[in-house]
Amino acid sequence: MSRLLVILLAAGLQAGVASAAEDRTPEPPSPPAPRATEPARPRPEEPRLSPEDREVVENLELLESMEAAENLDLLLELSREED
């Protein structure tokens, strides 16, 4: 049984080596299909924010930057522990 397994493994290895030795030159990619050019569309205006909405957005941005700073502090602390 062991010999059969060795023979099967050797045959599989030989097939893998033979297929790896084949010349496989990649074909150059075909040029992209030409697209019909469309005139640039004007971007829709961003909705005006009320003062309350603007404050909420500013607070969210502040929270995101604070979270990023906490992550940075944690990474710095972890790097110090590794030293």
PDB file of N, CA and C in Angstrom:
ATOM      1  N   MET A   1       0.819  -1.192   0.000  1.00  0.00           N
ATOM      2  CA  MET A   1       0.000   0.000   0.000  1.00  0.00           C
ATOM      3  C   MET A   1       0.865   1.258   0.000  1.00  0.00           C
ATOM      4  N   SER A   2       1.948   1.212   0.753  1.00  0.00           N
ATOM      5  CA  SER A   2       2.850   2.348   0.852  1.00  0.00           C
ATOM      6  C   SER A   2       3.534   2.618  -0.483  1.00  0.00           C
ATOM      7  N   ARG A   3       3.897   1.523  -1.207  1.00  0.00           N
ATOM      8  CA  ARG A   3       4.536   1.697  -2.507  1.00  0.00           C
ATOM      9  C   ARG A   3       3.580   2.353  -3.490  1.00  0.00           C
ATOM     10  N   LEU A   4       2.319   1.960  -3.429  1.00  0.00           N
ATOM     11  CA  LEU A   4       1.321   2.535  -4.329  1.00  0.00           C
ATOM     12  C   LEU A   4       1.184   4.034  -4.078  1.00  0.00           C
ATOM     13  N   LEU A   5       1.203   4.415  -2.822  1.00  0.00           N
ATOM     14  CA  LEU A   5       1.110   5.830  -2.474  1.00  0.00           C
ATOM     15  C   LEU A   5       2.332   6.595  -2.983  1.00  0.00           C
ATOM     16  N   VAL A   6       3.526   6.027  -2.850  1.00  0.00           N
ATOM     17  CA  VAL A   6       4.740   6.662  -3.331  1.00  0.00           C
ATOM     18  C   VAL A   6       4.701   6.791  -4.847  1.00  0.00           C
ATOM     19  N   ILE A   7       4.224   5.780  -5.539  1.00  0.00           N
ATOM     20  CA  ILE A   7       4.137   5.825  -6.999  1.00  0.00           C
ATOM     21  C   ILE A   7       3.152   6.895  -7.442  1.00  0.00           C
ATOM     22  N   LEU A   8       2.003   6.969  -6.759  1.00  0.00           N
ATOM     23  CA  LEU A   8       1.010   7.995  -7.102  1.00  0.00           C
ATOM     24  C   LEU A   8       1.556   9.400  -6.849  1.00  0.00           C
ATOM     25  N   LEU A   9       2.255   9.588  -5.755  1.00  0.00           N
ATOM     26  CA  LEU A   9       2.851  10.889  -5.463  1.00  0.00           C
ATOM     27  C   LEU A   9       3.913  11.251  -6.483  1.00  0.00           C
ATOM     28  N   ALA A  10       4.722  10.287  -6.878  1.00  0.00           N
ATOM     29  CA  ALA A  10       5.760  10.538  -7.873  1.00  0.00           C
ATOM     30  C   ALA A  10       5.141  10.897  -9.217  1.00  0.00           C
ATOM     31  N   ALA A  11       4.064  10.202  -9.595  1.00  0.00           N
ATOM     32  CA  ALA A  11       3.391  10.497 -10.864  1.00  0.00           C
ATOM     33  C   ALA A  11       2.791  11.898 -10.831  1.00  0.00           C
ATOM     34  N   GLY A  12       2.204  12.274  -9.721  1.00  0.00           N
ATOM     35  CA  GLY A  12       1.641  13.615  -9.589  1.00  0.00           C
ATOM     36  C   GLY A  12       2.712  14.682  -9.634  1.00  0.00           C
ATOM     37  N   LEU A  13       3.832  14.414  -9.012  1.00  0.00           N
ATOM     38  CA  LEU A  13       4.953  15.350  -9.022  1.00  0.00           C
ATOM     39  C   LEU A  13       5.510  15.498 -10.430  1.00  0.00           C
ATOM     40  N   GLN A  14       5.643  14.364 -11.130  1.00  0.00           N
ATOM     41  CA  GLN A  14       6.152  14.397 -12.501  1.00  0.00           C
ATOM     42  C   GLN A  14       5.206  15.195 -13.392  1.00  0.00           C
ATOM     43  N   ALA A  15       3.907  15.027 -13.237  1.00  0.00           N
ATOM     44  CA  ALA A  15       2.940  15.764 -14.053  1.00  0.00           C
ATOM     45  C   ALA A  15       3.020  17.251 -13.745  1.00  0.00           C
ATOM     46  N   GLY A  16       3.220  17.594 -12.485  1.00  0.00           N
ATOM     47  CA  GLY A  16       3.335  19.002 -12.107  1.00  0.00           C
ATOM     48  C   GLY A  16       4.589  19.633 -12.661  1.00  0.00           C
ATOM     49  N   VAL A  17       5.699  18.912 -12.635  1.00  0.00           N
ATOM     50  CA  VAL A  17       6.959  19.424 -13.176  1.00  0.00           C
ATOM     51  C   VAL A  17       6.848  19.585 -14.684  1.00  0.00           C
ATOM     52  N   ALA A  18       6.212  18.632 -15.337  1.00  0.00           N
ATOM     53  CA  ALA A  18       6.072  18.701 -16.790  1.00  0.00           C
ATOM     54  C   ALA A  18       5.205  19.879 -17.206  1.00  0.00           C
ATOM     55  N   SER A  19       4.128  20.111 -16.467  1.00  0.00           N
ATOM     56  CA  SER A  19       3.261  21.236 -16.838  1.00  0.00           C
ATOM     57  C   SER A  19       3.921  22.569 -16.512  1.00  0.00           C
ATOM     58  N   ALA A  20       4.769  22.611 -15.502  1.00  0.00           N
ATOM     59  CA  ALA A  20       5.472  23.848 -15.166  1.00  0.00           C
ATOM     60  C   ALA A  20       6.549  24.165 -16.192  1.00  0.00           C
ATOM     61  N   ALA A  21       7.078  23.124 -16.861  1.00  0.00           N
ATOM     62  CA  ALA A  21       8.136  23.330 -17.839  1.00  0.00           C
ATOM     63  C   ALA A  21       7.605  23.828 -19.176  1.00  0.00           C
ATOM     64  N   GLU A  22       6.302  23.730 -19.389  1.00  0.00           N
ATOM     65  CA  GLU A  22       5.729  24.189 -20.648  1.00  0.00           C
ATOM     66  C   GLU A  22       5.930  25.690 -20.790  1.00  0.00           C
ATOM     67  N   ASP A  23       6.141  26.136 -22.032  1.00  0.00           N
ATOM     68  CA  ASP A  23       6.306  27.560 -22.314  1.00  0.00           C
ATOM     69  C   ASP A  23       4.939  28.215 -22.293  1.00  0.00           C
ATOM     70  N   ARG A  24       4.729  29.076 -21.361  1.00  0.00           N
ATOM     71  CA  ARG A  24       3.444  29.777 -21.240  1.00  0.00           C
ATOM     72  C   ARG A  24       3.697  31.268 -21.320  1.00  0.00           C
ATOM     73  N   THR A  25       3.783  31.765 -22.516  1.00  0.00           N
ATOM     74  CA  THR A  25       3.966  33.208 -22.675  1.00  0.00           C
ATOM     75  C   THR A  25       2.595  33.859 -22.625  1.00  0.00           C
ATOM     76  N   PRO A  26       2.417  34.819 -21.741  1.00  0.00           N
ATOM     77  CA  PRO A  26       1.102  35.452 -21.632  1.00  0.00           C
ATOM     78  C   PRO A  26       0.809  36.293 -22.872  1.00  0.00           C
ATOM     79  N   GLU A  27      -0.441  36.245 -23.267  1.00  0.00           N
ATOM     80  CA  GLU A  27      -0.853  37.056 -24.407  1.00  0.00           C
ATOM     81  C   GLU A  27      -0.987  38.504 -23.947  1.00  0.00           C
ATOM     82  N   PRO A  28      -0.597  39.441 -24.812  1.00  0.00           N
ATOM     83  CA  PRO A  28      -0.747  40.845 -24.419  1.00  0.00           C
ATOM     84  C   PRO A  28      -2.230  41.179 -24.290  1.00  0.00           C
ATOM     85  N   PRO A  29      -2.565  42.024 -23.337  1.00  0.00           N
ATOM     86  CA  PRO A  29      -3.981  42.371 -23.152  1.00  0.00           C
ATOM     87  C   PRO A  29      -4.505  43.125 -24.369  1.00  0.00           C
ATOM     88  N   SER A  30      -5.750  42.855 -24.667  1.00  0.00           N
ATOM     89  CA  SER A  30      -6.345  43.533 -25.812  1.00  0.00           C
ATOM     90  C   SER A  30      -6.610  44.990 -25.444  1.00  0.00           C
ATOM     91  N   PRO A  31      -6.542  45.878 -26.423  1.00  0.00           N
ATOM     92  CA  PRO A  31      -6.779  47.292 -26.108  1.00  0.00           C
ATOM     93  C   PRO A  31      -8.231  47.502 -25.676  1.00  0.00           C
ATOM     94  N   PRO A  32      -8.446  48.459 -24.800  1.00  0.00           N
ATOM     95  CA  PRO A  32      -9.817  48.686 -24.324  1.00  0.00           C
ATOM     96  C   PRO A  32     -10.704  49.153 -25.474  1.00  0.00           C
ATOM     97  N   ALA A  33     -11.949  48.752 -25.380  1.00  0.00           N
ATOM     98  CA  ALA A  33     -12.909  49.134 -26.409  1.00  0.00           C
ATOM     99  C   ALA A  33     -13.152  50.641 -26.327  1.00  0.00           C
ATOM    100  N   PRO A  34     -13.222  51.295 -27.468  1.00  0.00           N
ATOM    101  CA  PRO A  34     -13.465  52.746 -27.419  1.00  0.00           C
ATOM    102  C   PRO A  34     -14.861  53.034 -26.859  1.00  0.00           C
ATOM    103  N   ARG A  35     -14.902  54.024 -26.013  1.00  0.00           N
ATOM    104  CA  ARG A  35     -16.188  54.414 -25.416  1.00  0.00           C
ATOM    105  C   ARG A  35     -16.680  55.680 -26.083  1.00  0.00           C
ATOM    106  N   ALA A  36     -17.967  55.744 -26.166  1.00  0.00           N
ATOM    107  CA  ALA A  36     -18.551  56.975 -26.690  1.00  0.00           C
ATOM    108  C   ALA A  36     -18.363  58.056 -25.641  1.00  0.00           C
ATOM    109  N   THR A  37     -17.831  59.164 -26.048  1.00  0.00           N
ATOM    110  CA  THR A  37     -17.601  60.237 -25.081  1.00  0.00           C
ATOM    111  C   THR A  37     -18.908  60.973 -24.821  1.00  0.00           C
ATOM    112  N   GLU A  38     -19.133  61.176 -23.575  1.00  0.00           N
ATOM    113  CA  GLU A  38     -20.335  61.906 -23.165  1.00  0.00           C
ATOM    114  C   GLU A  38     -19.894  63.243 -22.594  1.00  0.00           C
ATOM    115  N   PRO A  39     -20.687  64.246 -22.807  1.00  0.00           N
ATOM    116  CA  PRO A  39     -20.335  65.527 -22.192  1.00  0.00           C
ATOM    117  C   PRO A  39     -20.414  65.402 -20.674  1.00  0.00           C
ATOM    118  N   ALA A  40     -19.546  66.124 -20.020  1.00  0.00           N
ATOM    119  CA  ALA A  40     -19.519  66.082 -18.555  1.00  0.00           C
ATOM    120  C   ALA A  40     -20.840  66.603 -18.008  1.00  0.00           C
ATOM    121  N   ARG A  41     -21.367  65.835 -17.101  1.00  0.00           N
ATOM    122  CA  ARG A  41     -22.631  66.240 -16.476  1.00  0.00           C
ATOM    123  C   ARG A  41     -22.322  67.141 -15.288  1.00  0.00           C
ATOM    124  N   PRO A  42     -23.068  68.175 -15.139  1.00  0.00           N
ATOM    125  CA  PRO A  42     -22.838  69.018 -13.953  1.00  0.00           C
ATOM    126  C   PRO A  42     -23.235  68.258 -12.698  1.00  0.00           C
ATOM    127  N   ARG A  43     -22.430  68.407 -11.688  1.00  0.00           N
ATOM    128  CA  ARG A  43     -22.739  67.742 -10.428  1.00  0.00           C
ATOM    129  C   ARG A  43     -23.923  68.429  -9.773  1.00  0.00           C
ATOM    130  N   PRO A  44     -24.784  67.627  -9.174  1.00  0.00           N
ATOM    131  CA  PRO A  44     -25.896  68.257  -8.465  1.00  0.00           C
ATOM    132  C   PRO A  44     -25.359  69.022  -7.257  1.00  0.00           C
ATOM    133  N   GLU A  45     -25.969  70.099  -6.984  1.00  0.00           N
ATOM    134  CA  GLU A  45     -25.524  70.899  -5.843  1.00  0.00           C
ATOM    135  C   GLU A  45     -25.754  70.129  -4.554  1.00  0.00           C
ATOM    136  N   GLU A  46     -24.788  70.272  -3.663  1.00  0.00           N
ATOM    137  CA  GLU A  46     -24.939  69.633  -2.366  1.00  0.00           C
ATOM    138  C   GLU A  46     -26.032  70.362  -1.600  1.00  0.00           C
ATOM    139  N   PRO A  47     -26.833  69.597  -0.883  1.00  0.00           N
ATOM    140  CA  PRO A  47     -27.900  70.258  -0.133  1.00  0.00           C
ATOM    141  C   PRO A  47     -27.331  71.182   0.938  1.00  0.00           C
ATOM    142  N   ARG A  48     -27.967  72.273   1.128  1.00  0.00           N
ATOM    143  CA  ARG A  48     -27.552  73.223   2.168  1.00  0.00           C
ATOM    144  C   ARG A  48     -27.881  72.626   3.530  1.00  0.00           C
ATOM    145  N   LEU A  49     -26.939  72.740   4.430  1.00  0.00           N
ATOM    146  CA  LEU A  49     -27.143  72.216   5.774  1.00  0.00           C
ATOM    147  C   LEU A  49     -27.604  73.331   6.692  1.00  0.00           C
ATOM    148  N   SER A  50     -28.510  72.947   7.537  1.00  0.00           N
ATOM    149  CA  SER A  50     -28.937  73.912   8.544  1.00  0.00           C
ATOM    150  C   SER A  50     -27.808  74.039   9.560  1.00  0.00           C
ATOM    151  N   PRO A  51     -27.822  75.074  10.360  1.00  0.00           N
ATOM    152  CA  PRO A  51     -26.760  75.221  11.375  1.00  0.00           C
ATOM    153  C   PRO A  51     -26.675  74.019  12.313  1.00  0.00           C
ATOM    154  N   GLU A  52     -27.827  73.438  12.661  1.00  0.00           N
ATOM    155  CA  GLU A  52     -27.824  72.273  13.550  1.00  0.00           C
ATOM    156  C   GLU A  52     -27.178  71.075  12.850  1.00  0.00           C
ATOM    157  N   ASP A  53     -27.529  70.875  11.563  1.00  0.00           N
ATOM    158  CA  ASP A  53     -26.953  69.765  10.814  1.00  0.00           C
ATOM    159  C   ASP A  53     -25.440  69.948  10.648  1.00  0.00           C
ATOM    160  N   ARG A  54     -25.028  71.164  10.386  1.00  0.00           N
ATOM    161  CA  ARG A  54     -23.603  71.458  10.231  1.00  0.00           C
ATOM    162  C   ARG A  54     -22.859  71.146  11.528  1.00  0.00           C
ATOM    163  N   GLU A  55     -23.473  71.480  12.665  1.00  0.00           N
ATOM    164  CA  GLU A  55     -22.853  71.201  13.962  1.00  0.00           C
ATOM    165  C   GLU A  55     -22.734  69.699  14.190  1.00  0.00           C
ATOM    166  N   VAL A  56     -23.768  68.953  13.789  1.00  0.00           N
ATOM    167  CA  VAL A  56     -23.729  67.496  13.937  1.00  0.00           C
ATOM    168  C   VAL A  56     -22.607  66.912  13.084  1.00  0.00           C
ATOM    169  N   VAL A  57     -22.480  67.387  11.855  1.00  0.00           N
ATOM    170  CA  VAL A  57     -21.425  66.898  10.968  1.00  0.00           C
ATOM    171  C   VAL A  57     -20.049  67.223  11.547  1.00  0.00           C
ATOM    172  N   GLU A  58     -19.884  68.420  12.055  1.00  0.00           N
ATOM    173  CA  GLU A  58     -18.598  68.800  12.651  1.00  0.00           C
ATOM    174  C   GLU A  58     -18.279  67.931  13.862  1.00  0.00           C
ATOM    175  N   ASN A  59     -19.298  67.643  14.683  1.00  0.00           N
ATOM    176  CA  ASN A  59     -19.079  66.791  15.853  1.00  0.00           C
ATOM    177  C   ASN A  59     -18.718  65.369  15.441  1.00  0.00           C
ATOM    178  N   LEU A  60     -19.360  64.867  14.392  1.00  0.00           N
ATOM    179  CA  LEU A  60     -19.028  63.528  13.916  1.00  0.00           C
ATOM    180  C   LEU A  60     -17.592  63.477  13.399  1.00  0.00           C
ATOM    181  N   GLU A  61     -17.187  64.495  12.672  1.00  0.00           N
ATOM    182  CA  GLU A  61     -15.813  64.550  12.183  1.00  0.00           C
ATOM    183  C   GLU A  61     -14.826  64.627  13.334  1.00  0.00           C
ATOM    184  N   LEU A  62     -15.178  65.363  14.373  1.00  0.00           N
ATOM    185  CA  LEU A  62     -14.325  65.458  15.551  1.00  0.00           C
ATOM    186  C   LEU A  62     -14.209  64.106  16.244  1.00  0.00           C
ATOM    187  N   LEU A  63     -15.340  63.390  16.374  1.00  0.00           N
ATOM    188  CA  LEU A  63     -15.312  62.066  16.991  1.00  0.00           C
ATOM    189  C   LEU A  63     -14.454  61.095  16.179  1.00  0.00           C
ATOM    190  N   GLU A  64     -14.562  61.182  14.861  1.00  0.00           N
ATOM    191  CA  GLU A  64     -13.756  60.306  14.009  1.00  0.00           C
ATOM    192  C   GLU A  64     -12.264  60.598  14.183  1.00  0.00           C
ATOM    193  N   SER A  65     -11.906  61.857  14.257  1.00  0.00           N
ATOM    194  CA  SER A  65     -10.488  62.188  14.429  1.00  0.00           C
ATOM    195  C   SER A  65     -10.000  61.776  15.818  1.00  0.00           C
ATOM    196  N   MET A  66     -10.875  61.883  16.833  1.00  0.00           N
ATOM    197  CA  MET A  66     -10.491  61.444  18.173  1.00  0.00           C
ATOM    198  C   MET A  66     -10.287  59.926  18.197  1.00  0.00           C
ATOM    199  N   GLU A  67     -11.145  59.203  17.492  1.00  0.00           N
ATOM    200  CA  GLU A  67     -11.014  57.742  17.425  1.00  0.00           C
ATOM    201  C   GLU A  67      -9.714  57.367  16.721  1.00  0.00           C
ATOM    202  N   ALA A  68      -9.389  58.084  15.660  1.00  0.00           N
ATOM    203  CA  ALA A  68      -8.142  57.810  14.951  1.00  0.00           C
ATOM    204  C   ALA A  68      -6.945  58.089  15.860  1.00  0.00           C
ATOM    205  N   ALA A  69      -7.030  59.146  16.660  1.00  0.00           N
ATOM    206  CA  ALA A  69      -5.943  59.471  17.584  1.00  0.00           C
ATOM    207  C   ALA A  69      -5.814  58.391  18.658  1.00  0.00           C
ATOM    208  N   GLU A  70      -6.942  57.869  19.139  1.00  0.00           N
ATOM    209  CA  GLU A  70      -6.894  56.794  20.129  1.00  0.00           C
ATOM    210  C   GLU A  70      -6.259  55.549  19.528  1.00  0.00           C
ATOM    211  N   ASN A  71      -6.603  55.251  18.266  1.00  0.00           N
ATOM    212  CA  ASN A  71      -6.006  54.100  17.604  1.00  0.00           C
ATOM    213  C   ASN A  71      -4.500  54.284  17.461  1.00  0.00           C
ATOM    214  N   LEU A  72      -4.084  55.486  17.126  1.00  0.00           N
ATOM    215  CA  LEU A  72      -2.662  55.773  16.999  1.00  0.00           C
ATOM    216  C   LEU A  72      -1.958  55.621  18.343  1.00  0.00           C
ATOM    217  N   ASP A  73      -2.585  56.128  19.403  1.00  0.00           N
ATOM    218  CA  ASP A  73      -2.003  55.985  20.737  1.00  0.00           C
ATOM    219  C   ASP A  73      -1.856  54.506  21.103  1.00  0.00           C
ATOM    220  N   LEU A  74      -2.873  53.720  20.781  1.00  0.00           N
ATOM    221  CA  LEU A  74      -2.828  52.293  21.076  1.00  0.00           C
ATOM    222  C   LEU A  74      -1.705  51.623  20.294  1.00  0.00           C
ATOM    223  N   LEU A  75      -1.556  51.965  19.028  1.00  0.00           N
ATOM    224  CA  LEU A  75      -0.476  51.391  18.225  1.00  0.00           C
ATOM    225  C   LEU A  75       0.897  51.788  18.773  1.00  0.00           C
ATOM    226  N   LEU A  76       1.036  53.033  19.187  1.00  0.00           N
ATOM    227  CA  LEU A  76       2.303  53.472  19.768  1.00  0.00           C
ATOM    228  C   LEU A  76       2.612  52.716  21.058  1.00  0.00           C
ATOM    229  N   GLU A  77       1.589  52.518  21.876  1.00  0.00           N
ATOM    230  CA  GLU A  77       1.773  51.800  23.129  1.00  0.00           C
ATOM    231  C   GLU A  77       2.159  50.354  22.870  1.00  0.00           C
ATOM    232  N   LEU A  78       1.506  49.743  21.881  1.00  0.00           N
ATOM    233  CA  LEU A  78       1.841  48.356  21.553  1.00  0.00           C
ATOM    234  C   LEU A  78       3.253  48.233  20.999  1.00  0.00           C
ATOM    235  N   SER A  79       3.668  49.205  20.204  1.00  0.00           N
ATOM    236  CA  SER A  79       5.021  49.152  19.662  1.00  0.00           C
ATOM    237  C   SER A  79       6.060  49.330  20.750  1.00  0.00           C
ATOM    238  N   ARG A  80       5.754  50.119  21.773  1.00  0.00           N
ATOM    239  CA  ARG A  80       6.679  50.302  22.888  1.00  0.00           C
ATOM    240  C   ARG A  80       6.803  49.018  23.709  1.00  0.00           C
ATOM    241  N   GLU A  81       5.681  48.288  23.835  1.00  0.00           N
ATOM    242  CA  GLU A  81       5.705  47.049  24.615  1.00  0.00           C
ATOM    243  C   GLU A  81       6.540  45.984  23.926  1.00  0.00           C
ATOM    244  N   GLU A  82       6.577  46.005  22.566  1.00  0.00           N
ATOM    245  CA  GLU A  82       7.354  45.018  21.834  1.00  0.00           C
ATOM    246  C   GLU A  82       8.847  45.266  21.973  1.00  0.00           C
ATOM    247  N   ASP A  83       9.263  46.497  22.208  1.00  0.00           N
ATOM    248  CA  ASP A  83      10.694  46.835  22.307  1.00  0.00           C
ATOM    249  C   ASP A  83      11.285  46.335  23.568  1.00  0.00           C
TER     250      ASP A  83
END
